PDB file of N, CA and C in Angstrom:
ATOM      1  N   UNK A   1      18.734  20.971 -41.426  1.00  0.00           N
ATOM      2  CA  UNK A   1      18.948  22.160 -40.639  1.00  0.00           C
ATOM      3  C   UNK A   1      19.025  21.765 -39.167  1.00  0.00           C
ATOM      4  N   UNK A   2      20.065  22.216 -38.504  1.00  0.00           N
ATOM      5  CA  UNK A   2      20.273  21.872 -37.099  1.00  0.00           C
ATOM      6  C   UNK A   2      19.665  22.942 -36.205  1.00  0.00           C
ATOM      7  N   UNK A   3      19.151  22.459 -35.065  1.00  0.00           N
ATOM      8  CA  UNK A   3      18.611  23.402 -34.085  1.00  0.00           C
ATOM      9  C   UNK A   3      19.761  24.019 -33.312  1.00  0.00           C
ATOM     10  N   UNK A   4      19.519  25.170 -32.787  1.00  0.00           N
ATOM     11  CA  UNK A   4      20.584  25.848 -32.064  1.00  0.00           C
ATOM     12  C   UNK A   4      20.822  25.172 -30.717  1.00  0.00           C
ATOM     13  N   UNK A   5      21.966  25.425 -30.192  1.00  0.00           N
ATOM     14  CA  UNK A   5      22.359  24.855 -28.905  1.00  0.00           C
ATOM     15  C   UNK A   5      21.423  25.327 -27.796  1.00  0.00           C
ATOM     16  N   UNK A   6      20.967  26.550 -27.867  1.00  0.00           N
ATOM     17  CA  UNK A   6      20.073  27.097 -26.843  1.00  0.00           C
ATOM     18  C   UNK A   6      18.712  26.403 -26.852  1.00  0.00           C
ATOM     19  N   UNK A   7      18.220  26.084 -28.052  1.00  0.00           N
ATOM     20  CA  UNK A   7      16.946  25.361 -28.130  1.00  0.00           C
ATOM     21  C   UNK A   7      17.077  23.958 -27.538  1.00  0.00           C
ATOM     22  N   UNK A   8      18.176  23.300 -27.825  1.00  0.00           N
ATOM     23  CA  UNK A   8      18.406  21.966 -27.253  1.00  0.00           C
ATOM     24  C   UNK A   8      18.492  22.033 -25.731  1.00  0.00           C
ATOM     25  N   UNK A   9      19.229  23.013 -25.246  1.00  0.00           N
ATOM     26  CA  UNK A   9      19.377  23.170 -23.800  1.00  0.00           C
ATOM     27  C   UNK A   9      18.036  23.482 -23.144  1.00  0.00           C
ATOM     28  N   UNK A  10      17.248  24.349 -23.769  1.00  0.00           N
ATOM     29  CA  UNK A  10      15.928  24.687 -23.223  1.00  0.00           C
ATOM     30  C   UNK A  10      15.026  23.459 -23.196  1.00  0.00           C
ATOM     31  N   UNK A  11      15.059  22.664 -24.253  1.00  0.00           N
ATOM     32  CA  UNK A  11      14.257  21.441 -24.307  1.00  0.00           C
ATOM     33  C   UNK A  11      14.682  20.471 -23.212  1.00  0.00           C
ATOM     34  N   UNK A  12      15.983  20.321 -23.037  1.00  0.00           N
ATOM     35  CA  UNK A  12      16.504  19.427 -21.998  1.00  0.00           C
ATOM     36  C   UNK A  12      16.072  19.884 -20.606  1.00  0.00           C
ATOM     37  N   UNK A  13      16.164  21.178 -20.341  1.00  0.00           N
ATOM     38  CA  UNK A  13      15.786  21.699 -19.023  1.00  0.00           C
ATOM     39  C   UNK A  13      14.284  21.565 -18.774  1.00  0.00           C
ATOM     40  N   UNK A  14      13.480  21.773 -19.793  1.00  0.00           N
ATOM     41  CA  UNK A  14      12.024  21.625 -19.635  1.00  0.00           C
ATOM     42  C   UNK A  14      11.668  20.174 -19.341  1.00  0.00           C
ATOM     43  N   UNK A  15      12.297  19.238 -20.065  1.00  0.00           N
ATOM     44  CA  UNK A  15      12.040  17.817 -19.808  1.00  0.00           C
ATOM     45  C   UNK A  15      12.466  17.427 -18.398  1.00  0.00           C
ATOM     46  N   UNK A  16      13.604  17.948 -17.941  1.00  0.00           N
ATOM     47  CA  UNK A  16      14.073  17.648 -16.588  1.00  0.00           C
ATOM     48  C   UNK A  16      13.110  18.213 -15.545  1.00  0.00           C
ATOM     49  N   UNK A  17      12.594  19.411 -15.797  1.00  0.00           N
ATOM     50  CA  UNK A  17      11.647  20.022 -14.866  1.00  0.00           C
ATOM     51  C   UNK A  17      10.346  19.224 -14.803  1.00  0.00           C
ATOM     52  N   UNK A  18       9.863  18.766 -15.953  1.00  0.00           N
ATOM     53  CA  UNK A  18       8.647  17.946 -15.965  1.00  0.00           C
ATOM     54  C   UNK A  18       8.860  16.626 -15.223  1.00  0.00           C
ATOM     55  N   UNK A  19      10.022  16.022 -15.399  1.00  0.00           N
ATOM     56  CA  UNK A  19      10.317  14.768 -14.696  1.00  0.00           C
ATOM     57  C   UNK A  19      10.377  15.002 -13.188  1.00  0.00           C
ATOM     58  N   UNK A  20      10.972  16.128 -12.766  1.00  0.00           N
ATOM     59  CA  UNK A  20      11.050  16.448 -11.341  1.00  0.00           C
ATOM     60  C   UNK A  20       9.661  16.644 -10.745  1.00  0.00           C
ATOM     61  N   UNK A  21       8.800  17.366 -11.460  1.00  0.00           N
ATOM     62  CA  UNK A  21       7.430  17.575 -10.981  1.00  0.00           C
ATOM     63  C   UNK A  21       6.676  16.258 -10.881  1.00  0.00           C
ATOM     64  N   UNK A  22       6.882  15.377 -11.836  1.00  0.00           N
ATOM     65  CA  UNK A  22       6.226  14.067 -11.814  1.00  0.00           C
ATOM     66  C   UNK A  22       6.683  13.250 -10.598  1.00  0.00           C
ATOM     67  N   UNK A  23       7.994  13.275 -10.314  1.00  0.00           N
ATOM     68  CA  UNK A  23       8.512  12.546  -9.142  1.00  0.00           C
ATOM     69  C   UNK A  23       7.938  13.102  -7.848  1.00  0.00           C
ATOM     70  N   UNK A  24       7.864  14.435  -7.730  1.00  0.00           N
ATOM     71  CA  UNK A  24       7.297  15.051  -6.530  1.00  0.00           C
ATOM     72  C   UNK A  24       5.830  14.675  -6.366  1.00  0.00           C
ATOM     73  N   UNK A  25       5.082  14.684  -7.452  1.00  0.00           N
ATOM     74  CA  UNK A  25       3.667  14.324  -7.390  1.00  0.00           C
ATOM     75  C   UNK A  25       3.505  12.877  -6.946  1.00  0.00           C
ATOM     76  N   UNK A  26       4.298  11.967  -7.511  1.00  0.00           N
ATOM     77  CA  UNK A  26       4.220  10.559  -7.118  1.00  0.00           C
ATOM     78  C   UNK A  26       4.570  10.379  -5.645  1.00  0.00           C
ATOM     79  N   UNK A  27       5.551  11.116  -5.148  1.00  0.00           N
ATOM     80  CA  UNK A  27       5.944  11.031  -3.745  1.00  0.00           C
ATOM     81  C   UNK A  27       4.801  11.483  -2.839  1.00  0.00           C
ATOM     82  N   UNK A  28       4.121  12.569  -3.216  1.00  0.00           N
ATOM     83  CA  UNK A  28       2.989  13.055  -2.419  1.00  0.00           C
ATOM     84  C   UNK A  28       1.849  12.052  -2.420  1.00  0.00           C
ATOM     85  N   UNK A  29       1.572  11.472  -3.579  1.00  0.00           N
ATOM     86  CA  UNK A  29       0.488  10.490  -3.675  1.00  0.00           C
ATOM     87  C   UNK A  29       0.811   9.276  -2.820  1.00  0.00           C
ATOM     88  N   UNK A  30       2.066   8.843  -2.842  1.00  0.00           N
ATOM     89  CA  UNK A  30       2.477   7.694  -2.042  1.00  0.00           C
ATOM     90  C   UNK A  30       2.309   7.973  -0.547  1.00  0.00           C
ATOM     91  N   UNK A  31       2.662   9.169  -0.108  1.00  0.00           N
ATOM     92  CA  UNK A  31       2.524   9.519   1.310  1.00  0.00           C
ATOM     93  C   UNK A  31       1.065   9.535   1.729  1.00  0.00           C
ATOM     94  N   UNK A  32       0.205  10.094   0.902  1.00  0.00           N
ATOM     95  CA  UNK A  32      -1.219  10.173   1.225  1.00  0.00           C
ATOM     96  C   UNK A  32      -1.837   8.785   1.254  1.00  0.00           C
ATOM     97  N   UNK A  33      -1.311   7.904   0.444  1.00  0.00           N
ATOM     98  CA  UNK A  33      -1.869   6.560   0.341  1.00  0.00           C
ATOM     99  C   UNK A  33      -1.742   5.807   1.666  1.00  0.00           C
ATOM    100  N   UNK A  34      -0.736   6.100   2.470  1.00  0.00           N
ATOM    101  CA  UNK A  34      -0.504   5.360   3.695  1.00  0.00           C
ATOM    102  C   UNK A  34      -0.799   6.156   4.958  1.00  0.00           C
ATOM    103  N   UNK A  35      -1.525   7.261   4.845  1.00  0.00           N
ATOM    104  CA  UNK A  35      -1.896   8.003   6.043  1.00  0.00           C
ATOM    105  C   UNK A  35      -2.928   7.206   6.825  1.00  0.00           C
ATOM    106  N   UNK A  36      -2.688   7.023   8.121  1.00  0.00           N
ATOM    107  CA  UNK A  36      -3.585   6.235   8.960  1.00  0.00           C
ATOM    108  C   UNK A  36      -4.493   7.187   9.732  1.00  0.00           C
ATOM    109  N   UNK A  37      -5.801   6.964   9.721  1.00  0.00           N
ATOM    110  CA  UNK A  37      -6.753   7.855  10.405  1.00  0.00           C
ATOM    111  C   UNK A  37      -6.793   7.588  11.909  1.00  0.00           C
ATOM    112  N   UNK A  38      -5.808   8.074  12.656  1.00  0.00           N
ATOM    113  CA  UNK A  38      -5.708   7.761  14.087  1.00  0.00           C
ATOM    114  C   UNK A  38      -6.885   8.296  14.886  1.00  0.00           C
ATOM    115  N   UNK A  39      -7.577   9.304  14.414  1.00  0.00           N
ATOM    116  CA  UNK A  39      -8.683   9.874  15.169  1.00  0.00           C
ATOM    117  C   UNK A  39      -9.990   9.124  15.023  1.00  0.00           C
ATOM    118  N   UNK A  40     -10.105   8.237  14.072  1.00  0.00           N
ATOM    119  CA  UNK A  40     -11.366   7.555  13.804  1.00  0.00           C
ATOM    120  C   UNK A  40     -11.254   6.081  14.187  1.00  0.00           C
ATOM    121  N   UNK A  41     -11.902   5.719  15.293  1.00  0.00           N
ATOM    122  CA  UNK A  41     -11.811   4.354  15.817  1.00  0.00           C
ATOM    123  C   UNK A  41     -12.401   3.335  14.848  1.00  0.00           C
ATOM    124  N   UNK A  42     -13.463   3.708  14.155  1.00  0.00           N
ATOM    125  CA  UNK A  42     -14.142   2.763  13.261  1.00  0.00           C
ATOM    126  C   UNK A  42     -13.298   2.450  12.026  1.00  0.00           C
ATOM    127  N   UNK A  43     -12.655   3.470  11.466  1.00  0.00           N
ATOM    128  CA  UNK A  43     -11.780   3.220  10.320  1.00  0.00           C
ATOM    129  C   UNK A  43     -10.567   2.401  10.732  1.00  0.00           C
ATOM    130  N   UNK A  44     -10.052   2.656  11.938  1.00  0.00           N
ATOM    131  CA  UNK A  44      -8.931   1.857  12.427  1.00  0.00           C
ATOM    132  C   UNK A  44      -9.332   0.394  12.565  1.00  0.00           C
ATOM    133  N   UNK A  45     -10.522   0.151  13.078  1.00  0.00           N
ATOM    134  CA  UNK A  45     -10.993  -1.220  13.233  1.00  0.00           C
ATOM    135  C   UNK A  45     -11.149  -1.888  11.868  1.00  0.00           C
ATOM    136  N   UNK A  46     -11.582  -1.110  10.870  1.00  0.00           N
ATOM    137  CA  UNK A  46     -11.735  -1.656   9.521  1.00  0.00           C
ATOM    138  C   UNK A  46     -10.405  -2.114   8.930  1.00  0.00           C
ATOM    139  N   UNK A  47      -9.323  -1.400   9.235  1.00  0.00           N
ATOM    140  CA  UNK A  47      -8.025  -1.801   8.698  1.00  0.00           C
ATOM    141  C   UNK A  47      -7.271  -2.711   9.649  1.00  0.00           C
ATOM    142  N   UNK A  48      -7.878  -3.067  10.789  1.00  0.00           N
ATOM    143  CA  UNK A  48      -7.292  -4.062  11.677  1.00  0.00           C
ATOM    144  C   UNK A  48      -6.404  -3.509  12.766  1.00  0.00           C
ATOM    145  N   UNK A  49      -6.651  -2.281  13.224  1.00  0.00           N
ATOM    146  CA  UNK A  49      -5.844  -1.683  14.285  1.00  0.00           C
ATOM    147  C   UNK A  49      -6.728  -1.209  15.428  1.00  0.00           C
ATOM    148  N   UNK A  50      -6.141  -1.198  16.632  1.00  0.00           N
ATOM    149  CA  UNK A  50      -6.800  -0.583  17.777  1.00  0.00           C
ATOM    150  C   UNK A  50      -6.406   0.888  17.830  1.00  0.00           C
ATOM    151  N   UNK A  51      -7.052   1.647  18.694  1.00  0.00           N
ATOM    152  CA  UNK A  51      -6.807   3.085  18.782  1.00  0.00           C
ATOM    153  C   UNK A  51      -5.369   3.388  19.219  1.00  0.00           C
ATOM    154  N   UNK A  52      -4.735   2.456  19.956  1.00  0.00           N
ATOM    155  CA  UNK A  52      -3.358   2.676  20.409  1.00  0.00           C
ATOM    156  C   UNK A  52      -2.320   2.165  19.410  1.00  0.00           C
ATOM    157  N   UNK A  53      -2.757   1.633  18.272  1.00  0.00           N
ATOM    158  CA  UNK A  53      -1.831   1.227  17.225  1.00  0.00           C
ATOM    159  C   UNK A  53      -1.536  -0.258  17.161  1.00  0.00           C
ATOM    160  N   UNK A  54      -1.987  -1.014  18.167  1.00  0.00           N
ATOM    161  CA  UNK A  54      -1.760  -2.466  18.135  1.00  0.00           C
ATOM    162  C   UNK A  54      -2.701  -3.103  17.130  1.00  0.00           C
ATOM    163  N   UNK A  55      -2.273  -4.226  16.562  1.00  0.00           N
ATOM    164  CA  UNK A  55      -3.151  -4.918  15.623  1.00  0.00           C
ATOM    165  C   UNK A  55      -4.216  -5.684  16.386  1.00  0.00           C
ATOM    166  N   UNK A  56      -5.342  -5.887  15.750  1.00  0.00           N
ATOM    167  CA  UNK A  56      -6.449  -6.594  16.386  1.00  0.00           C
ATOM    168  C   UNK A  56      -6.080  -8.047  16.633  1.00  0.00           C
ATOM    169  N   UNK A  57      -5.256  -8.627  15.767  1.00  0.00           N
ATOM    170  CA  UNK A  57      -4.897 -10.035  15.914  1.00  0.00           C
ATOM    171  C   UNK A  57      -4.038 -10.286  17.153  1.00  0.00           C
ATOM    172  N   UNK A  58      -3.429  -9.247  17.744  1.00  0.00           N
ATOM    173  CA  UNK A  58      -2.628  -9.437  18.955  1.00  0.00           C
ATOM    174  C   UNK A  58      -3.485  -9.904  20.119  1.00  0.00           C
ATOM    175  N   UNK A  59      -4.728  -9.465  20.171  1.00  0.00           N
ATOM    176  CA  UNK A  59      -5.598  -9.796  21.289  1.00  0.00           C
ATOM    177  C   UNK A  59      -6.442 -11.038  21.020  1.00  0.00           C
ATOM    178  N   UNK A  60      -6.204 -11.702  19.896  1.00  0.00           N
ATOM    179  CA  UNK A  60      -7.003 -12.849  19.528  1.00  0.00           C
ATOM    180  C   UNK A  60      -6.681 -14.037  20.425  1.00  0.00           C
ATOM    181  N   UNK A  61      -7.703 -14.777  20.778  1.00  0.00           N
ATOM    182  CA  UNK A  61      -7.524 -15.973  21.598  1.00  0.00           C
ATOM    183  C   UNK A  61      -6.872 -17.042  20.722  1.00  0.00           C
ATOM    184  N   UNK A  62      -5.815 -17.705  21.221  1.00  0.00           N
ATOM    185  CA  UNK A  62      -5.131 -18.708  20.397  1.00  0.00           C
ATOM    186  C   UNK A  62      -6.040 -19.848  19.942  1.00  0.00           C
ATOM    187  N   UNK A  63      -7.013 -20.233  20.771  1.00  0.00           N
ATOM    188  CA  UNK A  63      -7.907 -21.331  20.394  1.00  0.00           C
ATOM    189  C   UNK A  63      -8.736 -20.952  19.164  1.00  0.00           C
ATOM    190  N   UNK A  64      -9.223 -19.726  19.128  1.00  0.00           N
ATOM    191  CA  UNK A  64     -10.024 -19.273  17.986  1.00  0.00           C
ATOM    192  C   UNK A  64      -9.152 -19.190  16.734  1.00  0.00           C
ATOM    193  N   UNK A  65      -7.925 -18.731  16.928  1.00  0.00           N
ATOM    194  CA  UNK A  65      -7.012 -18.614  15.800  1.00  0.00           C
ATOM    195  C   UNK A  65      -6.694 -19.991  15.214  1.00  0.00           C
ATOM    196  N   UNK A  66      -6.448 -20.984  16.067  1.00  0.00           N
ATOM    197  CA  UNK A  66      -6.141 -22.331  15.566  1.00  0.00           C
ATOM    198  C   UNK A  66      -7.355 -22.964  14.903  1.00  0.00           C
ATOM    199  N   UNK A  67      -8.552 -22.727  15.452  1.00  0.00           N
ATOM    200  CA  UNK A  67      -9.756 -23.257  14.808  1.00  0.00           C
ATOM    201  C   UNK A  67      -9.903 -22.701  13.391  1.00  0.00           C
ATOM    202  N   UNK A  68      -9.643 -21.425  13.236  1.00  0.00           N
ATOM    203  CA  UNK A  68      -9.748 -20.804  11.921  1.00  0.00           C
ATOM    204  C   UNK A  68      -8.700 -21.379  10.967  1.00  0.00           C
ATOM    205  N   UNK A  69      -7.484 -21.598  11.473  1.00  0.00           N
ATOM    206  CA  UNK A  69      -6.436 -22.168  10.631  1.00  0.00           C
ATOM    207  C   UNK A  69      -6.780 -23.595  10.214  1.00  0.00           C
ATOM    208  N   UNK A  70      -7.328 -24.382  11.140  1.00  0.00           N
ATOM    209  CA  UNK A  70      -7.715 -25.755  10.823  1.00  0.00           C
ATOM    210  C   UNK A  70      -8.824 -25.754   9.779  1.00  0.00           C
ATOM    211  N   UNK A  71      -9.792 -24.872   9.943  1.00  0.00           N
ATOM    212  CA  UNK A  71     -10.883 -24.766   8.979  1.00  0.00           C
ATOM    213  C   UNK A  71     -10.339 -24.430   7.585  1.00  0.00           C
ATOM    214  N   UNK A  72      -9.387 -23.530   7.555  1.00  0.00           N
ATOM    215  CA  UNK A  72      -8.784 -23.137   6.280  1.00  0.00           C
ATOM    216  C   UNK A  72      -8.020 -24.307   5.657  1.00  0.00           C
ATOM    217  N   UNK A  73      -7.243 -25.029   6.462  1.00  0.00           N
ATOM    218  CA  UNK A  73      -6.486 -26.168   5.938  1.00  0.00           C
ATOM    219  C   UNK A  73      -7.412 -27.269   5.439  1.00  0.00           C
ATOM    220  N   UNK A  74      -8.498 -27.528   6.162  1.00  0.00           N
ATOM    221  CA  UNK A  74      -9.461 -28.537   5.709  1.00  0.00           C
ATOM    222  C   UNK A  74     -10.076 -28.137   4.369  1.00  0.00           C
ATOM    223  N   UNK A  75     -10.378 -26.862   4.226  1.00  0.00           N
ATOM    224  CA  UNK A  75     -10.948 -26.386   2.969  1.00  0.00           C
ATOM    225  C   UNK A  75      -9.948 -26.573   1.827  1.00  0.00           C
ATOM    226  N   UNK A  76      -8.675 -26.307   2.091  1.00  0.00           N
ATOM    227  CA  UNK A  76      -7.658 -26.497   1.060  1.00  0.00           C
ATOM    228  C   UNK A  76      -7.525 -27.959   0.662  1.00  0.00           C
ATOM    229  N   UNK A  77      -7.576 -28.864   1.648  1.00  0.00           N
ATOM    230  CA  UNK A  77      -7.457 -30.293   1.357  1.00  0.00           C
ATOM    231  C   UNK A  77      -8.660 -30.768   0.553  1.00  0.00           C
ATOM    232  N   UNK A  78      -9.844 -30.281   0.909  1.00  0.00           N
ATOM    233  CA  UNK A  78     -11.053 -30.672   0.193  1.00  0.00           C
ATOM    234  C   UNK A  78     -11.031 -30.196  -1.253  1.00  0.00           C
ATOM    235  N   UNK A  79     -10.501 -29.003  -1.475  1.00  0.00           N
ATOM    236  CA  UNK A  79     -10.513 -28.429  -2.811  1.00  0.00           C
ATOM    237  C   UNK A  79      -9.382 -28.939  -3.698  1.00  0.00           C
ATOM    238  N   UNK A  80      -8.439 -29.643  -3.105  1.00  0.00           N
ATOM    239  CA  UNK A  80      -7.308 -30.141  -3.886  1.00  0.00           C
ATOM    240  C   UNK A  80      -7.804 -31.157  -4.911  1.00  0.00           C
ATOM    241  N   UNK A  81      -7.409 -30.976  -6.121  1.00  0.00           N
ATOM    242  CA  UNK A  81      -7.847 -31.860  -7.199  1.00  0.00           C
ATOM    243  C   UNK A  81      -6.907 -33.064  -7.251  1.00  0.00           C
ATOM    244  N   UNK A  82      -7.480 -34.266  -7.172  1.00  0.00           N
ATOM    245  CA  UNK A  82      -6.677 -35.488  -7.250  1.00  0.00           C
ATOM    246  C   UNK A  82      -6.379 -35.779  -8.712  1.00  0.00           C
ATOM    247  N   UNK A  83      -5.103 -35.762  -9.047  1.00  0.00           N
ATOM    248  CA  UNK A  83      -4.735 -36.035 -10.442  1.00  0.00           C
ATOM    249  C   UNK A  83      -3.878 -37.254 -10.532  1.00  0.00           C
TER     250      UNK A  83
END
């Protein structure tokens, strides 16, 4: 027994509506995921930003940055397994 054309069309439209709602929900969730708390200085500092939007690493002293990089490279060399 075949279903009527109207039932098929109704099923198709309902599925399309559910898919549209799902896409809208995902879009809203994605937008909320990247909202930056510009009013809270402490949360900005936690994510690595200053109150004016610049990254904290912009103000870093180059000597401190190179020391950290050297420390990291030494750790990598030490941990390398000799095979």
